[in-house]
């Protein structure tokens, strides 16, 4: 968490700050995914969770509309406003999206905006795990045990 990283003097890189595309496309994201797209298997994109998460997206979308920005820009601005020691790494394949991402730097957020967005983004608010069971284990399955490390 951010306070622990700060206490230890560690910067934080916010991985997938647009929620695997959900915060840029919303619930319609799942309609355009290829059958072999990794996101098809993510619990947050499954039908039983998607409707609930769509309501969260609509709240973010309303705030973005009031701010005159896109939902993606709002999400990136929220990360940016966490502090200089927290940076997002949004991925994109389109120059238009890159330019939109840069536009997030111009979005001003008040403390009230931050509090509202944090309530929407909390782990308790979203439905569905980030990854399917076993996936994080798969990611680190080739990591040698710490006991094997020699300085």
N, C-alpha and C. Protein backbone atom coordinates (compact mmCIF):
# COMPACT_ATOMS: atom_id res chain seq x y z
N UNK A 1 0.83 -1.19 0.00
CA UNK A 1 0.00 0.00 0.00
C UNK A 1 0.88 1.25 0.00
N UNK A 2 0.29 2.35 -0.37
CA UNK A 2 1.04 3.59 -0.57
C UNK A 2 1.73 4.07 0.72
N UNK A 3 1.05 4.11 1.87
CA UNK A 3 1.76 4.57 3.08
C UNK A 3 2.99 3.72 3.42
N UNK A 4 2.90 2.42 3.24
CA UNK A 4 4.05 1.55 3.52
C UNK A 4 5.19 1.85 2.56
N UNK A 5 4.87 2.00 1.28
CA UNK A 5 5.91 2.33 0.29
C UNK A 5 6.58 3.65 0.65
N UNK A 6 5.79 4.62 1.05
CA UNK A 6 6.37 5.92 1.42
C UNK A 6 7.26 5.79 2.65
N UNK A 7 6.81 5.04 3.61
CA UNK A 7 7.61 4.84 4.83
C UNK A 7 8.96 4.22 4.50
N UNK A 8 8.97 3.34 3.51
CA UNK A 8 10.20 2.64 3.11
C UNK A 8 10.97 3.37 2.01
N UNK A 9 10.43 4.50 1.54
CA UNK A 9 11.10 5.26 0.49
C UNK A 9 11.04 4.59 -0.88
N UNK A 10 9.97 3.87 -1.13
CA UNK A 10 9.81 3.12 -2.38
C UNK A 10 8.73 3.80 -3.23
N UNK A 11 9.05 4.05 -4.49
CA UNK A 11 8.04 4.56 -5.42
C UNK A 11 7.11 3.43 -5.83
N UNK A 12 5.91 3.78 -6.26
CA UNK A 12 4.92 2.79 -6.64
C UNK A 12 4.53 3.00 -8.10
N UNK A 13 4.55 1.93 -8.88
CA UNK A 13 4.11 1.98 -10.27
C UNK A 13 2.73 1.34 -10.33
N UNK A 14 1.74 2.14 -10.72
CA UNK A 14 0.36 1.66 -10.81
C UNK A 14 0.20 0.89 -12.12
N UNK A 15 0.17 -0.42 -12.01
CA UNK A 15 0.05 -1.31 -13.16
C UNK A 15 -1.40 -1.40 -13.59
N UNK A 16 -1.66 -1.31 -14.87
CA UNK A 16 -3.00 -1.38 -15.44
C UNK A 16 -3.96 -0.37 -14.79
N UNK A 17 -3.58 0.91 -14.81
CA UNK A 17 -4.40 1.93 -14.15
C UNK A 17 -5.76 2.16 -14.81
N UNK A 18 -5.97 1.60 -15.99
CA UNK A 18 -7.27 1.73 -16.64
C UNK A 18 -8.08 0.44 -16.52
N UNK A 19 -7.71 -0.40 -15.56
CA UNK A 19 -8.49 -1.61 -15.29
C UNK A 19 -8.61 -2.52 -16.49
N UNK A 20 -7.46 -2.77 -17.16
CA UNK A 20 -7.44 -3.63 -18.35
C UNK A 20 -8.37 -3.11 -19.44
N UNK A 21 -8.54 -1.79 -19.50
CA UNK A 21 -9.36 -1.17 -20.54
C UNK A 21 -10.77 -0.85 -20.09
N UNK A 22 -11.17 -1.35 -18.93
CA UNK A 22 -12.54 -1.13 -18.46
C UNK A 22 -12.81 0.36 -18.23
N UNK A 23 -11.85 1.08 -17.68
CA UNK A 23 -12.07 2.50 -17.39
C UNK A 23 -11.95 3.39 -18.61
N UNK A 24 -11.52 2.84 -19.73
CA UNK A 24 -11.52 3.62 -20.96
C UNK A 24 -12.70 3.26 -21.86
N UNK A 25 -13.15 2.02 -21.78
CA UNK A 25 -14.24 1.56 -22.65
C UNK A 25 -15.54 1.26 -21.92
N UNK A 26 -15.47 1.01 -20.64
CA UNK A 26 -16.66 0.65 -19.88
C UNK A 26 -17.10 -0.77 -20.17
N UNK A 27 -18.33 -1.11 -19.78
CA UNK A 27 -18.82 -2.47 -19.93
C UNK A 27 -18.82 -2.97 -21.37
N UNK A 28 -18.89 -2.05 -22.35
CA UNK A 28 -18.88 -2.48 -23.75
C UNK A 28 -17.55 -3.10 -24.14
N UNK A 29 -16.53 -2.94 -23.30
CA UNK A 29 -15.22 -3.53 -23.57
C UNK A 29 -15.33 -5.01 -23.88
N UNK A 30 -16.13 -5.72 -23.12
CA UNK A 30 -16.22 -7.17 -23.29
C UNK A 30 -16.85 -7.57 -24.61
N UNK A 31 -17.64 -6.68 -25.20
CA UNK A 31 -18.29 -7.00 -26.48
C UNK A 31 -17.28 -7.12 -27.62
N UNK A 32 -16.18 -6.38 -27.54
CA UNK A 32 -15.23 -6.38 -28.63
C UNK A 32 -14.00 -7.24 -28.42
N UNK A 33 -13.97 -8.01 -27.35
CA UNK A 33 -12.79 -8.83 -27.08
C UNK A 33 -12.77 -10.08 -27.94
N UNK A 34 -11.59 -10.39 -28.46
CA UNK A 34 -11.43 -11.64 -29.21
C UNK A 34 -11.61 -12.82 -28.25
N UNK A 35 -12.00 -13.96 -28.81
CA UNK A 35 -12.24 -15.14 -27.97
C UNK A 35 -11.01 -15.56 -27.17
N UNK A 36 -9.83 -15.31 -27.72
CA UNK A 36 -8.61 -15.71 -27.01
C UNK A 36 -8.00 -14.57 -26.19
N UNK A 37 -8.73 -13.45 -26.05
CA UNK A 37 -8.22 -12.33 -25.25
C UNK A 37 -8.18 -12.74 -23.78
N UNK A 38 -7.05 -12.53 -23.16
CA UNK A 38 -6.81 -12.86 -21.76
C UNK A 38 -7.90 -12.31 -20.84
N UNK A 39 -8.43 -11.14 -21.17
CA UNK A 39 -9.42 -10.49 -20.31
C UNK A 39 -10.74 -11.25 -20.26
N UNK A 40 -10.99 -12.11 -21.24
CA UNK A 40 -12.22 -12.92 -21.23
C UNK A 40 -12.31 -13.77 -19.97
N UNK A 41 -11.16 -14.14 -19.41
CA UNK A 41 -11.15 -15.03 -18.24
C UNK A 41 -11.10 -14.28 -16.91
N UNK A 42 -10.98 -12.97 -16.94
CA UNK A 42 -10.86 -12.23 -15.68
C UNK A 42 -12.19 -12.17 -14.95
N UNK A 43 -12.21 -12.49 -13.67
CA UNK A 43 -13.46 -12.50 -12.91
C UNK A 43 -14.23 -11.19 -12.96
N UNK A 44 -13.56 -10.05 -12.97
CA UNK A 44 -14.27 -8.77 -12.98
C UNK A 44 -15.06 -8.54 -14.26
N UNK A 45 -14.72 -9.27 -15.32
CA UNK A 45 -15.41 -9.11 -16.59
C UNK A 45 -16.47 -10.18 -16.82
N UNK A 46 -16.70 -11.04 -15.85
CA UNK A 46 -17.71 -12.09 -15.99
C UNK A 46 -19.09 -11.50 -15.73
N UNK A 47 -20.09 -12.09 -16.35
CA UNK A 47 -21.46 -11.56 -16.29
C UNK A 47 -21.93 -11.32 -14.87
N UNK A 48 -21.61 -12.24 -13.96
CA UNK A 48 -22.10 -12.11 -12.58
C UNK A 48 -21.50 -10.90 -11.85
N UNK A 49 -20.40 -10.37 -12.34
CA UNK A 49 -19.76 -9.21 -11.72
C UNK A 49 -19.87 -7.95 -12.57
N UNK A 50 -20.03 -8.13 -13.86
CA UNK A 50 -19.98 -7.00 -14.79
C UNK A 50 -21.08 -5.98 -14.55
N UNK A 51 -22.28 -6.42 -14.24
CA UNK A 51 -23.38 -5.48 -14.03
C UNK A 51 -23.08 -4.57 -12.84
N UNK A 52 -22.61 -5.14 -11.75
CA UNK A 52 -22.26 -4.34 -10.57
C UNK A 52 -21.15 -3.35 -10.93
N UNK A 53 -20.11 -3.81 -11.60
CA UNK A 53 -18.98 -2.96 -11.95
C UNK A 53 -19.38 -1.90 -12.98
N UNK A 54 -20.39 -2.20 -13.79
CA UNK A 54 -20.92 -1.20 -14.73
C UNK A 54 -21.46 0.00 -13.96
N UNK A 55 -22.12 -0.25 -12.84
CA UNK A 55 -22.66 0.85 -12.03
C UNK A 55 -21.53 1.73 -11.48
N UNK A 56 -20.43 1.11 -11.10
CA UNK A 56 -19.27 1.88 -10.64
C UNK A 56 -18.71 2.73 -11.79
N UNK A 57 -18.64 2.10 -12.98
CA UNK A 57 -18.15 2.83 -14.16
C UNK A 57 -19.04 4.04 -14.43
N UNK A 58 -20.34 3.89 -14.29
CA UNK A 58 -21.26 5.00 -14.54
C UNK A 58 -21.01 6.15 -13.56
N UNK A 59 -20.68 5.82 -12.32
CA UNK A 59 -20.35 6.87 -11.34
C UNK A 59 -19.08 7.61 -11.76
N UNK A 60 -18.08 6.86 -12.19
CA UNK A 60 -16.83 7.48 -12.66
C UNK A 60 -17.11 8.32 -13.90
N UNK A 61 -17.93 7.80 -14.78
CA UNK A 61 -18.28 8.51 -16.02
C UNK A 61 -18.98 9.83 -15.72
N UNK A 62 -19.85 9.85 -14.72
CA UNK A 62 -20.56 11.08 -14.35
C UNK A 62 -19.58 12.12 -13.81
N UNK A 63 -18.64 11.69 -12.99
CA UNK A 63 -17.63 12.61 -12.46
C UNK A 63 -16.78 13.16 -13.61
N UNK A 64 -16.39 12.28 -14.53
CA UNK A 64 -15.59 12.70 -15.68
C UNK A 64 -16.34 13.73 -16.51
N UNK A 65 -17.62 13.49 -16.74
CA UNK A 65 -18.42 14.44 -17.52
C UNK A 65 -18.45 15.81 -16.84
N UNK A 66 -18.60 15.82 -15.51
CA UNK A 66 -18.60 17.08 -14.77
C UNK A 66 -17.25 17.79 -14.84
N UNK A 67 -16.18 17.02 -14.98
CA UNK A 67 -14.84 17.58 -15.06
C UNK A 67 -14.45 17.95 -16.50
N UNK A 68 -15.26 17.51 -17.47
CA UNK A 68 -14.95 17.78 -18.87
C UNK A 68 -13.81 16.93 -19.40
N UNK A 69 -13.72 15.70 -18.90
CA UNK A 69 -12.65 14.80 -19.35
C UNK A 69 -13.25 13.41 -19.59
N UNK A 70 -12.44 12.51 -20.08
CA UNK A 70 -12.89 11.14 -20.30
C UNK A 70 -12.71 10.33 -19.01
N UNK A 71 -13.33 9.17 -18.96
CA UNK A 71 -13.15 8.30 -17.79
C UNK A 71 -11.69 7.86 -17.67
N UNK A 72 -11.04 7.61 -18.80
CA UNK A 72 -9.63 7.22 -18.76
C UNK A 72 -8.78 8.35 -18.19
N UNK A 73 -9.03 9.57 -18.63
CA UNK A 73 -8.28 10.70 -18.11
C UNK A 73 -8.52 10.88 -16.61
N UNK A 74 -9.75 10.69 -16.18
CA UNK A 74 -10.06 10.82 -14.75
C UNK A 74 -9.32 9.76 -13.94
N UNK A 75 -9.32 8.53 -14.43
CA UNK A 75 -8.62 7.45 -13.72
C UNK A 75 -7.13 7.74 -13.62
N UNK A 76 -6.53 8.19 -14.70
CA UNK A 76 -5.10 8.51 -14.69
C UNK A 76 -4.81 9.73 -13.82
N UNK A 77 -5.71 10.70 -13.83
CA UNK A 77 -5.54 11.88 -12.97
C UNK A 77 -5.59 11.47 -11.50
N UNK A 78 -6.47 10.55 -11.17
CA UNK A 78 -6.57 10.06 -9.79
C UNK A 78 -5.23 9.45 -9.36
N UNK A 79 -4.63 8.63 -10.23
CA UNK A 79 -3.32 8.05 -9.91
C UNK A 79 -2.29 9.17 -9.77
N UNK A 80 -2.28 10.09 -10.71
CA UNK A 80 -1.32 11.20 -10.70
C UNK A 80 -1.44 12.02 -9.41
N UNK A 81 -2.66 12.21 -8.92
CA UNK A 81 -2.88 13.00 -7.71
C UNK A 81 -2.53 12.24 -6.42
N UNK A 82 -2.12 11.01 -6.53
CA UNK A 82 -1.70 10.26 -5.33
C UNK A 82 -0.38 10.80 -4.79
N UNK A 83 0.42 11.41 -5.64
CA UNK A 83 1.71 11.95 -5.23
C UNK A 83 2.77 11.67 -6.28
N UNK A 84 3.89 12.35 -6.16
CA UNK A 84 4.96 12.20 -7.15
C UNK A 84 5.64 10.85 -7.09
N UNK A 85 5.42 10.12 -6.01
CA UNK A 85 6.04 8.80 -5.86
C UNK A 85 5.14 7.67 -6.37
N UNK A 86 4.02 8.03 -6.98
CA UNK A 86 3.10 7.05 -7.56
C UNK A 86 2.92 7.41 -9.03
N UNK A 87 3.24 6.48 -9.92
CA UNK A 87 3.14 6.76 -11.36
C UNK A 87 2.37 5.64 -12.06
N UNK A 88 1.52 6.01 -13.01
CA UNK A 88 0.79 5.00 -13.78
C UNK A 88 1.59 4.54 -14.99
N UNK A 89 1.34 3.33 -15.45
CA UNK A 89 1.91 2.88 -16.72
C UNK A 89 0.77 2.35 -17.60
N UNK A 90 -0.01 3.27 -18.17
CA UNK A 90 -1.08 2.83 -19.05
C UNK A 90 -0.52 2.33 -20.37
N UNK A 91 -1.03 1.24 -20.83
CA UNK A 91 -0.62 0.73 -22.14
C UNK A 91 -1.58 1.20 -23.21
N UNK A 92 -1.07 1.40 -24.40
CA UNK A 92 -1.94 1.77 -25.52
C UNK A 92 -1.28 1.36 -26.82
N UNK A 93 -2.11 1.12 -27.81
CA UNK A 93 -1.61 0.79 -29.14
C UNK A 93 -2.00 1.87 -30.15
N UNK A 94 -2.70 2.90 -29.69
CA UNK A 94 -3.18 3.95 -30.59
C UNK A 94 -2.67 5.31 -30.13
N UNK A 95 -2.22 6.10 -31.09
CA UNK A 95 -1.70 7.43 -30.78
C UNK A 95 -2.78 8.31 -30.16
N UNK A 96 -4.04 8.16 -30.60
CA UNK A 96 -5.13 8.96 -30.03
C UNK A 96 -5.28 8.69 -28.54
N UNK A 97 -5.15 7.42 -28.16
CA UNK A 97 -5.26 7.07 -26.74
C UNK A 97 -4.07 7.61 -25.96
N UNK A 98 -2.90 7.57 -26.57
CA UNK A 98 -1.71 8.13 -25.92
C UNK A 98 -1.92 9.62 -25.64
N UNK A 99 -2.41 10.34 -26.65
CA UNK A 99 -2.64 11.78 -26.48
C UNK A 99 -3.69 12.04 -25.41
N UNK A 100 -4.73 11.19 -25.38
CA UNK A 100 -5.75 11.32 -24.35
C UNK A 100 -5.15 11.07 -22.97
N UNK A 101 -4.28 10.07 -22.88
CA UNK A 101 -3.63 9.77 -21.59
C UNK A 101 -2.83 10.97 -21.09
N UNK A 102 -2.11 11.63 -22.00
CA UNK A 102 -1.33 12.81 -21.62
C UNK A 102 -2.26 13.92 -21.12
N UNK A 103 -3.46 14.00 -21.69
CA UNK A 103 -4.44 14.99 -21.26
C UNK A 103 -4.84 14.85 -19.80
N UNK A 104 -4.63 13.68 -19.23
CA UNK A 104 -4.97 13.46 -17.82
C UNK A 104 -4.16 14.36 -16.90
N UNK A 105 -3.00 14.79 -17.36
CA UNK A 105 -2.16 15.66 -16.53
C UNK A 105 -2.79 17.03 -16.30
N UNK A 106 -3.78 17.39 -17.12
CA UNK A 106 -4.45 18.68 -16.98
C UNK A 106 -5.71 18.61 -16.13
N UNK A 107 -6.10 17.42 -15.73
CA UNK A 107 -7.33 17.26 -14.94
C UNK A 107 -7.04 17.60 -13.48
N UNK A 108 -7.77 18.58 -12.97
CA UNK A 108 -7.62 18.99 -11.56
C UNK A 108 -8.65 18.26 -10.71
N UNK A 109 -8.19 17.72 -9.60
CA UNK A 109 -9.09 17.01 -8.68
C UNK A 109 -9.02 17.66 -7.30
N UNK A 110 -10.19 17.87 -6.71
CA UNK A 110 -10.27 18.42 -5.36
C UNK A 110 -10.15 17.27 -4.35
N UNK A 111 -9.93 17.59 -3.09
CA UNK A 111 -9.95 16.53 -2.07
C UNK A 111 -11.27 15.76 -2.05
N UNK A 112 -12.39 16.46 -2.30
CA UNK A 112 -13.69 15.77 -2.36
C UNK A 112 -13.75 14.81 -3.55
N UNK A 113 -13.22 15.24 -4.69
CA UNK A 113 -13.16 14.36 -5.87
C UNK A 113 -12.35 13.11 -5.53
N UNK A 114 -11.20 13.32 -4.91
CA UNK A 114 -10.33 12.19 -4.56
C UNK A 114 -11.04 11.22 -3.63
N UNK A 115 -11.73 11.75 -2.63
CA UNK A 115 -12.44 10.90 -1.68
C UNK A 115 -13.54 10.10 -2.37
N UNK A 116 -14.28 10.76 -3.26
CA UNK A 116 -15.35 10.05 -3.98
C UNK A 116 -14.77 8.96 -4.87
N UNK A 117 -13.72 9.28 -5.59
CA UNK A 117 -13.09 8.28 -6.47
C UNK A 117 -12.50 7.13 -5.66
N UNK A 118 -11.94 7.43 -4.50
CA UNK A 118 -11.39 6.36 -3.67
C UNK A 118 -12.49 5.44 -3.16
N UNK A 119 -13.66 5.99 -2.88
CA UNK A 119 -14.76 5.12 -2.43
C UNK A 119 -15.23 4.22 -3.57
N UNK A 120 -15.18 4.72 -4.80
CA UNK A 120 -15.57 3.91 -5.95
C UNK A 120 -14.52 2.85 -6.25
N UNK A 121 -13.25 3.20 -6.09
CA UNK A 121 -12.15 2.31 -6.47
C UNK A 121 -11.76 1.31 -5.39
N UNK A 122 -12.37 1.37 -4.23
CA UNK A 122 -11.96 0.48 -3.15
C UNK A 122 -12.19 -0.98 -3.52
N UNK A 123 -11.37 -1.83 -2.95
CA UNK A 123 -11.48 -3.27 -3.21
C UNK A 123 -12.85 -3.79 -2.80
N UNK A 124 -13.44 -3.19 -1.78
CA UNK A 124 -14.76 -3.63 -1.32
C UNK A 124 -15.86 -3.24 -2.31
N UNK A 125 -15.64 -2.18 -3.07
CA UNK A 125 -16.67 -1.69 -3.98
C UNK A 125 -16.77 -2.51 -5.25
N UNK A 126 -15.64 -2.96 -5.78
CA UNK A 126 -15.66 -3.72 -7.03
C UNK A 126 -16.02 -5.18 -6.77
N UNK A 127 -16.59 -5.81 -7.77
CA UNK A 127 -16.94 -7.23 -7.67
C UNK A 127 -16.06 -8.03 -8.61
N UNK A 128 -15.59 -9.15 -8.11
CA UNK A 128 -14.75 -10.03 -8.90
C UNK A 128 -13.28 -9.79 -8.61
N UNK A 129 -12.55 -10.86 -8.52
CA UNK A 129 -11.11 -10.75 -8.29
C UNK A 129 -10.42 -10.18 -9.53
N UNK A 130 -9.21 -9.67 -9.34
CA UNK A 130 -8.45 -9.13 -10.47
C UNK A 130 -8.09 -10.22 -11.46
N UNK A 131 -7.71 -11.39 -10.94
CA UNK A 131 -7.26 -12.50 -11.77
C UNK A 131 -8.00 -13.77 -11.37
N UNK A 132 -8.04 -14.73 -12.28
CA UNK A 132 -8.65 -16.01 -11.96
C UNK A 132 -7.74 -16.76 -10.99
N UNK A 133 -8.30 -17.73 -10.29
CA UNK A 133 -7.54 -18.51 -9.31
C UNK A 133 -6.28 -19.10 -9.95
N UNK A 134 -5.18 -18.99 -9.23
CA UNK A 134 -3.93 -19.58 -9.67
C UNK A 134 -3.11 -18.70 -10.59
N UNK A 135 -3.68 -17.64 -11.14
CA UNK A 135 -2.92 -16.83 -12.09
C UNK A 135 -1.71 -16.15 -11.47
N UNK A 136 -1.86 -15.48 -10.31
CA UNK A 136 -0.66 -14.87 -9.73
C UNK A 136 0.44 -15.90 -9.43
N UNK A 137 0.06 -17.10 -9.04
CA UNK A 137 1.03 -18.15 -8.80
C UNK A 137 1.76 -18.49 -10.09
N UNK A 138 1.01 -18.56 -11.18
CA UNK A 138 1.59 -18.84 -12.49
C UNK A 138 2.63 -17.79 -12.87
N UNK A 139 2.35 -16.53 -12.56
CA UNK A 139 3.26 -15.44 -12.92
C UNK A 139 4.62 -15.57 -12.24
N UNK A 140 4.64 -16.12 -11.04
CA UNK A 140 5.89 -16.21 -10.29
C UNK A 140 6.39 -17.64 -10.14
N UNK A 141 5.87 -18.56 -10.93
CA UNK A 141 6.20 -19.97 -10.76
C UNK A 141 7.66 -20.29 -11.03
N UNK A 142 8.35 -19.45 -11.82
CA UNK A 142 9.75 -19.73 -12.10
C UNK A 142 10.70 -18.91 -11.23
N UNK A 143 10.15 -18.21 -10.24
CA UNK A 143 10.98 -17.42 -9.34
C UNK A 143 11.69 -18.35 -8.36
N UNK A 144 13.02 -18.28 -8.29
CA UNK A 144 13.74 -19.16 -7.36
C UNK A 144 13.45 -18.76 -5.92
N UNK A 145 13.51 -19.70 -5.00
CA UNK A 145 13.26 -19.36 -3.59
C UNK A 145 14.31 -18.38 -3.07
N UNK A 146 13.90 -17.53 -2.16
CA UNK A 146 14.81 -16.54 -1.60
C UNK A 146 16.03 -17.21 -0.95
N UNK A 147 15.84 -18.40 -0.40
CA UNK A 147 16.94 -19.09 0.27
C UNK A 147 18.09 -19.43 -0.69
N UNK A 148 17.81 -19.45 -2.00
CA UNK A 148 18.85 -19.77 -2.97
C UNK A 148 19.68 -18.54 -3.38
N UNK A 149 19.28 -17.37 -2.92
CA UNK A 149 19.96 -16.13 -3.30
C UNK A 149 21.27 -15.98 -2.55
N UNK A 150 22.32 -15.65 -3.28
CA UNK A 150 23.64 -15.41 -2.70
C UNK A 150 24.10 -14.02 -3.16
N UNK A 151 24.46 -13.14 -2.22
CA UNK A 151 24.91 -11.79 -2.62
C UNK A 151 26.27 -11.81 -3.31
